[in-house]
Amino acid sequence: MTTTENITPCFQTMLPLILASASPRRQEMLAGIGLQFRVEAAEADERVLPGEAPQAFVIRIAKDKAKIVADRYPGTWILAADTVVVQDGDILGKPVDTEDAVSMLKRLAGRGHEVWTGFCLCRSGEPQQVCRAVKTEVQFTDLPDPVIRAYVRSGDPLDKAGSYGIQSQGGFMVQGIRGSYSNVVGLPLAEVLSEMTALGLIQAAESR
């Protein structure tokens, strides 16, 4: 089980839950509100299909990841998610190397972009599943080349969609956002918790 110590939880997990993601950000967000879960990472083919829209892409990848883990653990609820950055209709995933990260950040500098996260809640053998995509609009400040390269050298952007982490060092680049902050981090918490509550997966923590 993964949880956070020394906090008073807001929610409690009512049914077994597996997070199908190796993302430490997603794990921290769920544990930070008191949820208990196991982590089982899943790898899916993340190539974009011809003409595939960002919202369709992230939902498809989240579904694929959720199904992979659900087939391993029948009867257990699975939460999977996928996040991408989108600019001018192009989907920007994680950089392949440092120069790719520099290139992405130069493209984003001084402009707006979208962050899409798709998430899927499912259980093997259960006809009911929930898959949604959430969009947040992000505006970047202008970034001179030395600043971009210094940030890339920190290593922070190398495992993140769009080559930046709003919750870590990359936050200095963000001039403004419209929509869910947690969605930019990697999981739209308000929407995920609403669906979990409706499915009976979680409930408000009882007073002790």
C-alpha atoms as a PDB file:
ATOM      1  CA  MET A   1       0.000   0.000   0.000  1.00  0.00           C
ATOM      2  CA  THR A   2       1.089   3.560  -0.691  1.00  0.00           C
ATOM      3  CA  THR A   3       0.038   6.347   1.661  1.00  0.00           C
ATOM      4  CA  THR A   4       1.376   9.496   3.279  1.00  0.00           C
ATOM      5  CA  GLU A   5       2.298   9.504   6.954  1.00  0.00           C
ATOM      6  CA  ASN A   6       1.509  12.204   9.513  1.00  0.00           C
ATOM      7  CA  ILE A   7      -1.502  13.660   7.726  1.00  0.00           C
ATOM      8  CA  THR A   8      -5.174  13.744   8.542  1.00  0.00           C
ATOM      9  CA  PRO A   9      -6.755  12.180   5.452  1.00  0.00           C
ATOM     10  CA  CYS A  10      -9.608  13.835   3.568  1.00  0.00           C
ATOM     11  CA  PHE A  11     -10.765  10.605   1.952  1.00  0.00           C
ATOM     12  CA  GLN A  12     -10.641   6.900   2.613  1.00  0.00           C
ATOM     13  CA  THR A  13     -10.443   4.073   0.088  1.00  0.00           C
ATOM     14  CA  MET A  14     -13.416   1.711   0.305  1.00  0.00           C
ATOM     15  CA  LEU A  15     -12.393  -0.871  -2.324  1.00  0.00           C
ATOM     16  CA  PRO A  16      -9.031  -2.241  -3.455  1.00  0.00           C
ATOM     17  CA  LEU A  17      -7.392   0.186  -5.868  1.00  0.00           C
ATOM     18  CA  ILE A  18      -4.360  -0.036  -8.142  1.00  0.00           C
ATOM     19  CA  LEU A  19      -2.725   2.958  -9.767  1.00  0.00           C
ATOM     20  CA  ALA A  20      -1.436   1.857 -13.167  1.00  0.00           C
ATOM     21  CA  SER A  21       1.293   4.477 -13.296  1.00  0.00           C
ATOM     22  CA  ALA A  22       4.916   4.819 -12.271  1.00  0.00           C
ATOM     23  CA  SER A  23       4.532   8.614 -12.075  1.00  0.00           C
ATOM     24  CA  PRO A  24       5.660   9.849  -8.637  1.00  0.00           C
ATOM     25  CA  ARG A  25       3.491  12.953  -9.107  1.00  0.00           C
ATOM     26  CA  ARG A  26       0.294  10.921  -9.468  1.00  0.00           C
ATOM     27  CA  GLN A  27       1.245   8.738  -6.524  1.00  0.00           C
ATOM     28  CA  GLU A  28       1.940  11.777  -4.330  1.00  0.00           C
ATOM     29  CA  MET A  29      -1.347  13.459  -5.235  1.00  0.00           C
ATOM     30  CA  LEU A  30      -3.456  10.415  -4.347  1.00  0.00           C
ATOM     31  CA  ALA A  31      -1.498   9.583  -1.203  1.00  0.00           C
ATOM     32  CA  GLY A  32      -1.610  13.231  -0.165  1.00  0.00           C
ATOM     33  CA  ILE A  33      -5.382  13.126   0.297  1.00  0.00           C
ATOM     34  CA  GLY A  34      -5.273   9.857   2.209  1.00  0.00           C
ATOM     35  CA  LEU A  35      -6.007   7.232  -0.428  1.00  0.00           C
ATOM     36  CA  GLN A  36      -4.522   3.766  -0.115  1.00  0.00           C
ATOM     37  CA  PHE A  37      -3.504   1.956  -3.288  1.00  0.00           C
ATOM     38  CA  ARG A  38      -0.975  -0.306  -4.912  1.00  0.00           C
ATOM     39  CA  VAL A  39       1.203   0.738  -7.823  1.00  0.00           C
ATOM     40  CA  GLU A  40       1.515  -1.448 -10.919  1.00  0.00           C
ATOM     41  CA  ALA A  41       3.047   0.380 -13.853  1.00  0.00           C
ATOM     42  CA  ALA A  42       1.826  -0.458 -17.349  1.00  0.00           C
ATOM     43  CA  GLU A  43       3.453   0.224 -20.699  1.00  0.00           C
ATOM     44  CA  ALA A  44       1.292   0.932 -23.748  1.00  0.00           C
ATOM     45  CA  ASP A  45       2.053   1.785 -27.359  1.00  0.00           C
ATOM     46  CA  GLU A  46       2.037   5.590 -27.222  1.00  0.00           C
ATOM     47  CA  ARG A  47       2.364   6.277 -30.937  1.00  0.00           C
ATOM     48  CA  VAL A  48      -0.206   8.781 -32.184  1.00  0.00           C
ATOM     49  CA  LEU A  49      -2.590   7.396 -34.789  1.00  0.00           C
ATOM     50  CA  PRO A  50      -3.066   9.360 -38.035  1.00  0.00           C
ATOM     51  CA  GLY A  51      -5.539  12.192 -37.475  1.00  0.00           C
ATOM     52  CA  GLU A  52      -5.995  11.316 -33.801  1.00  0.00           C
ATOM     53  CA  ALA A  53      -7.163  14.261 -31.660  1.00  0.00           C
ATOM     54  CA  PRO A  54      -5.371  14.907 -28.335  1.00  0.00           C
ATOM     55  CA  GLN A  55      -8.390  14.019 -26.201  1.00  0.00           C
ATOM     56  CA  ALA A  56      -8.908  10.766 -28.109  1.00  0.00           C
ATOM     57  CA  PHE A  57      -5.218   9.924 -27.806  1.00  0.00           C
ATOM     58  CA  VAL A  58      -4.954  10.354 -24.022  1.00  0.00           C
ATOM     59  CA  ILE A  59      -8.181   8.429 -23.426  1.00  0.00           C
ATOM     60  CA  ARG A  60      -6.998   5.569 -25.651  1.00  0.00           C
ATOM     61  CA  ILE A  61      -3.645   5.315 -23.872  1.00  0.00           C
ATOM     62  CA  ALA A  62      -5.272   5.495 -20.425  1.00  0.00           C
ATOM     63  CA  LYS A  63      -7.724   2.748 -21.452  1.00  0.00           C
ATOM     64  CA  ASP A  64      -4.921   0.543 -22.765  1.00  0.00           C
ATOM     65  CA  LYS A  65      -2.890   0.931 -19.579  1.00  0.00           C
ATOM     66  CA  ALA A  66      -5.922   0.276 -17.371  1.00  0.00           C
ATOM     67  CA  LYS A  67      -6.849  -2.884 -19.292  1.00  0.00           C
ATOM     68  CA  ILE A  68      -3.313  -4.288 -19.089  1.00  0.00           C
ATOM     69  CA  VAL A  69      -3.344  -4.074 -15.286  1.00  0.00           C
ATOM     70  CA  ALA A  70      -7.029  -5.029 -14.901  1.00  0.00           C
ATOM     71  CA  ASP A  71      -6.366  -8.298 -16.726  1.00  0.00           C
ATOM     72  CA  ARG A  72      -3.657  -9.097 -14.159  1.00  0.00           C
ATOM     73  CA  TYR A  73      -5.885  -8.337 -11.155  1.00  0.00           C
ATOM     74  CA  PRO A  74      -9.497  -9.416 -11.751  1.00  0.00           C
ATOM     75  CA  GLY A  75     -12.008  -7.745  -9.467  1.00  0.00           C
ATOM     76  CA  THR A  76      -9.743  -4.826  -8.515  1.00  0.00           C
ATOM     77  CA  TRP A  77     -10.418  -1.255  -9.587  1.00  0.00           C
ATOM     78  CA  ILE A  78      -7.680   0.261 -11.726  1.00  0.00           C
ATOM     79  CA  LEU A  79      -6.864   3.931 -12.290  1.00  0.00           C
ATOM     80  CA  ALA A  80      -4.691   4.776 -15.292  1.00  0.00           C
ATOM     81  CA  ALA A  81      -3.838   8.139 -16.842  1.00  0.00           C
ATOM     82  CA  ASP A  82      -1.848   9.741 -19.628  1.00  0.00           C
ATOM     83  CA  THR A  83      -0.817  13.402 -20.023  1.00  0.00           C
ATOM     84  CA  VAL A  84       0.375  15.300 -23.090  1.00  0.00           C
ATOM     85  CA  VAL A  85       1.149  18.881 -24.029  1.00  0.00           C
ATOM     86  CA  VAL A  86      -0.452  20.178 -27.225  1.00  0.00           C
ATOM     87  CA  GLN A  87       0.564  23.176 -29.287  1.00  0.00           C
ATOM     88  CA  ASP A  88      -0.810  24.062 -32.728  1.00  0.00           C
ATOM     89  CA  GLY A  89      -2.495  20.667 -32.786  1.00  0.00           C
ATOM     90  CA  ASP A  90       0.782  18.783 -32.288  1.00  0.00           C
ATOM     91  CA  ILE A  91       1.048  16.345 -29.399  1.00  0.00           C
ATOM     92  CA  LEU A  92       4.230  16.767 -27.365  1.00  0.00           C
ATOM     93  CA  GLY A  93       5.076  13.866 -25.103  1.00  0.00           C
ATOM     94  CA  LYS A  94       8.197  13.289 -23.031  1.00  0.00           C
ATOM     95  CA  PRO A  95      11.486  14.409 -24.610  1.00  0.00           C
ATOM     96  CA  VAL A  96      13.730  11.706 -26.022  1.00  0.00           C
ATOM     97  CA  ASP A  97      16.902  13.539 -24.923  1.00  0.00           C
ATOM     98  CA  THR A  98      18.177  16.914 -23.724  1.00  0.00           C
ATOM     99  CA  GLU A  99      18.194  18.534 -27.164  1.00  0.00           C
ATOM    100  CA  ASP A 100      14.608  17.433 -27.719  1.00  0.00           C
ATOM    101  CA  ALA A 101      13.713  19.054 -24.378  1.00  0.00           C
ATOM    102  CA  VAL A 102      15.438  22.296 -25.424  1.00  0.00           C
ATOM    103  CA  SER A 103      13.560  22.259 -28.727  1.00  0.00           C
ATOM    104  CA  MET A 104      10.193  21.761 -27.016  1.00  0.00           C
ATOM    105  CA  LEU A 105      10.775  24.552 -24.527  1.00  0.00           C
ATOM    106  CA  LYS A 106      11.862  26.971 -27.260  1.00  0.00           C
ATOM    107  CA  ARG A 107       8.623  26.177 -29.037  1.00  0.00           C
ATOM    108  CA  LEU A 108       6.537  26.782 -25.893  1.00  0.00           C
ATOM    109  CA  ALA A 109       8.360  29.954 -24.785  1.00  0.00           C
ATOM    110  CA  GLY A 110       6.216  33.092 -24.825  1.00  0.00           C
ATOM    111  CA  ARG A 111       3.166  31.228 -26.096  1.00  0.00           C
ATOM    112  CA  GLY A 112       0.128  29.356 -24.878  1.00  0.00           C
ATOM    113  CA  HIS A 113      -0.459  25.626 -25.060  1.00  0.00           C
ATOM    114  CA  GLU A 114      -2.887  22.991 -23.828  1.00  0.00           C
ATOM    115  CA  VAL A 115      -2.320  20.167 -21.377  1.00  0.00           C
ATOM    116  CA  TRP A 116      -4.584  17.152 -21.832  1.00  0.00           C
ATOM    117  CA  THR A 117      -4.866  14.296 -19.347  1.00  0.00           C
ATOM    118  CA  GLY A 118      -6.979  11.259 -20.011  1.00  0.00           C
ATOM    119  CA  PHE A 119      -7.894   8.941 -17.158  1.00  0.00           C
ATOM    120  CA  CYS A 120      -9.698   5.651 -16.963  1.00  0.00           C
ATOM    121  CA  LEU A 121     -11.268   3.815 -14.023  1.00  0.00           C
ATOM    122  CA  CYS A 122     -12.153   0.214 -14.742  1.00  0.00           C
ATOM    123  CA  ARG A 123     -12.439  -3.253 -13.240  1.00  0.00           C
ATOM    124  CA  SER A 124     -12.010  -6.547 -15.095  1.00  0.00           C
ATOM    125  CA  GLY A 125     -15.388  -8.150 -15.753  1.00  0.00           C
ATOM    126  CA  GLU A 126     -17.209  -4.967 -14.729  1.00  0.00           C
ATOM    127  CA  PRO A 127     -19.285  -3.370 -17.523  1.00  0.00           C
ATOM    128  CA  GLN A 128     -19.129   0.008 -15.826  1.00  0.00           C
ATOM    129  CA  GLN A 129     -16.021   2.038 -16.571  1.00  0.00           C
ATOM    130  CA  VAL A 130     -15.261   5.745 -16.664  1.00  0.00           C
ATOM    131  CA  CYS A 131     -12.871   7.353 -19.133  1.00  0.00           C
ATOM    132  CA  ARG A 132     -12.556  11.117 -19.468  1.00  0.00           C
ATOM    133  CA  ALA A 133     -10.184  13.739 -20.837  1.00  0.00           C
ATOM    134  CA  VAL A 134      -9.530  17.082 -19.148  1.00  0.00           C
ATOM    135  CA  LYS A 135      -7.911  20.148 -20.715  1.00  0.00           C
ATOM    136  CA  THR A 136      -5.983  22.998 -19.073  1.00  0.00           C
ATOM    137  CA  GLU A 137      -4.685  26.050 -20.933  1.00  0.00           C
ATOM    138  CA  VAL A 138      -1.177  27.203 -19.968  1.00  0.00           C
ATOM    139  CA  GLN A 139       0.660  30.409 -20.870  1.00  0.00           C
ATOM    140  CA  PHE A 140       4.465  30.468 -20.841  1.00  0.00           C
ATOM    141  CA  THR A 141       6.641  33.513 -20.296  1.00  0.00           C
ATOM    142  CA  ASP A 142       9.424  34.383 -22.730  1.00  0.00           C
ATOM    143  CA  LEU A 143      12.480  32.222 -22.117  1.00  0.00           C
ATOM    144  CA  PRO A 144      15.978  33.180 -23.293  1.00  0.00           C
ATOM    145  CA  ASP A 145      18.126  30.323 -24.545  1.00  0.00           C
ATOM    146  CA  PRO A 146      20.531  30.313 -21.534  1.00  0.00           C
ATOM    147  CA  VAL A 147      17.585  29.923 -19.143  1.00  0.00           C
ATOM    148  CA  ILE A 148      16.094  27.070 -21.164  1.00  0.00           C
ATOM    149  CA  ARG A 149      19.406  25.235 -21.261  1.00  0.00           C
ATOM    150  CA  ALA A 150      20.034  25.774 -17.544  1.00  0.00           C
ATOM    151  CA  TYR A 151      16.618  24.292 -16.766  1.00  0.00           C
ATOM    152  CA  VAL A 152      17.232  21.299 -19.039  1.00  0.00           C
ATOM    153  CA  ARG A 153      20.609  20.696 -17.356  1.00  0.00           C
ATOM    154  CA  SER A 154      18.794  20.387 -14.032  1.00  0.00           C
ATOM    155  CA  GLY A 155      17.282  17.139 -15.316  1.00  0.00           C
ATOM    156  CA  ASP A 156      13.793  18.167 -14.209  1.00  0.00           C
ATOM    157  CA  PRO A 157      12.122  18.129 -17.649  1.00  0.00           C
ATOM    158  CA  LEU A 158      13.428  14.815 -18.946  1.00  0.00           C
ATOM    159  CA  ASP A 159      10.587  12.602 -17.674  1.00  0.00           C
ATOM    160  CA  LYS A 160       7.733  15.030 -18.213  1.00  0.00           C
ATOM    161  CA  ALA A 161       5.321  15.692 -21.075  1.00  0.00           C
ATOM    162  CA  GLY A 162       6.206  18.930 -22.829  1.00  0.00           C
ATOM    163  CA  SER A 163       9.577  18.974 -21.049  1.00  0.00           C
ATOM    164  CA  TYR A 164       8.516  20.830 -17.904  1.00  0.00           C
ATOM    165  CA  GLY A 165       7.133  20.247 -14.434  1.00  0.00           C
ATOM    166  CA  ILE A 166       4.829  23.004 -13.150  1.00  0.00           C
ATOM    167  CA  GLN A 167       5.080  21.591  -9.609  1.00  0.00           C
ATOM    168  CA  SER A 168       8.882  21.671  -9.530  1.00  0.00           C
ATOM    169  CA  GLN A 169      11.602  23.871 -11.010  1.00  0.00           C
ATOM    170  CA  GLY A 170       9.634  24.411 -14.209  1.00  0.00           C
ATOM    171  CA  GLY A 171       6.982  26.432 -12.407  1.00  0.00           C
ATOM    172  CA  PHE A 172       8.931  29.658 -13.010  1.00  0.00           C
ATOM    173  CA  MET A 173       8.119  29.447 -16.731  1.00  0.00           C
ATOM    174  CA  VAL A 174       4.348  29.432 -16.252  1.00  0.00           C
ATOM    175  CA  GLN A 175       2.788  32.879 -16.526  1.00  0.00           C
ATOM    176  CA  GLY A 176      -0.770  31.706 -16.066  1.00  0.00           C
ATOM    177  CA  ILE A 177      -3.178  28.780 -16.328  1.00  0.00           C
ATOM    178  CA  ARG A 178      -6.855  28.384 -17.086  1.00  0.00           C
ATOM    179  CA  GLY A 179      -8.348  25.212 -15.693  1.00  0.00           C
ATOM    180  CA  SER A 180      -7.139  22.475 -13.386  1.00  0.00           C
ATOM    181  CA  TYR A 181      -3.665  22.915 -11.891  1.00  0.00           C
ATOM    182  CA  SER A 182      -3.445  19.253 -10.863  1.00  0.00           C
ATOM    183  CA  ASN A 183      -4.233  18.299 -14.456  1.00  0.00           C
ATOM    184  CA  VAL A 184      -0.978  19.980 -15.528  1.00  0.00           C
ATOM    185  CA  VAL A 185       0.867  18.013 -12.845  1.00  0.00           C
ATOM    186  CA  GLY A 186      -0.564  14.813 -14.308  1.00  0.00           C
ATOM    187  CA  LEU A 187      -3.969  14.002 -12.806  1.00  0.00           C
ATOM    188  CA  PRO A 188      -7.160  16.139 -12.697  1.00  0.00           C
ATOM    189  CA  LEU A 189      -7.955  15.459  -9.059  1.00  0.00           C
ATOM    190  CA  ALA A 190     -11.409  17.077  -8.889  1.00  0.00           C
ATOM    191  CA  GLU A 191     -12.698  15.024 -11.803  1.00  0.00           C
ATOM    192  CA  VAL A 192     -11.006  11.787 -10.713  1.00  0.00           C
ATOM    193  CA  LEU A 193     -12.295  12.025  -7.137  1.00  0.00           C
ATOM    194  CA  SER A 194     -15.807  12.831  -8.328  1.00  0.00           C
ATOM    195  CA  GLU A 195     -15.880   9.677 -10.447  1.00  0.00           C
ATOM    196  CA  MET A 196     -14.309   7.568  -7.688  1.00  0.00           C
ATOM    197  CA  THR A 197     -16.964   8.735  -5.248  1.00  0.00           C
ATOM    198  CA  ALA A 198     -19.767   7.928  -7.697  1.00  0.00           C
ATOM    199  CA  LEU A 199     -18.359   4.403  -8.146  1.00  0.00           C
ATOM    200  CA  GLY A 200     -18.163   3.847  -4.377  1.00  0.00           C
ATOM    201  CA  LEU A 201     -14.377   3.570  -4.526  1.00  0.00           C
ATOM    202  CA  ILE A 202     -13.779   6.306  -1.970  1.00  0.00           C
ATOM    203  CA  GLN A 203     -15.671   8.369   0.549  1.00  0.00           C
ATOM    204  CA  ALA A 204     -14.967  11.266   2.890  1.00  0.00           C
ATOM    205  CA  ALA A 205     -12.819  10.162   5.807  1.00  0.00           C
ATOM    206  CA  GLU A 206     -14.692   9.560   9.031  1.00  0.00           C
ATOM    207  CA  SER A 207     -13.803  11.594  12.105  1.00  0.00           C
ATOM    208  CA  ARG A 208     -11.973   9.751  14.840  1.00  0.00           C
END
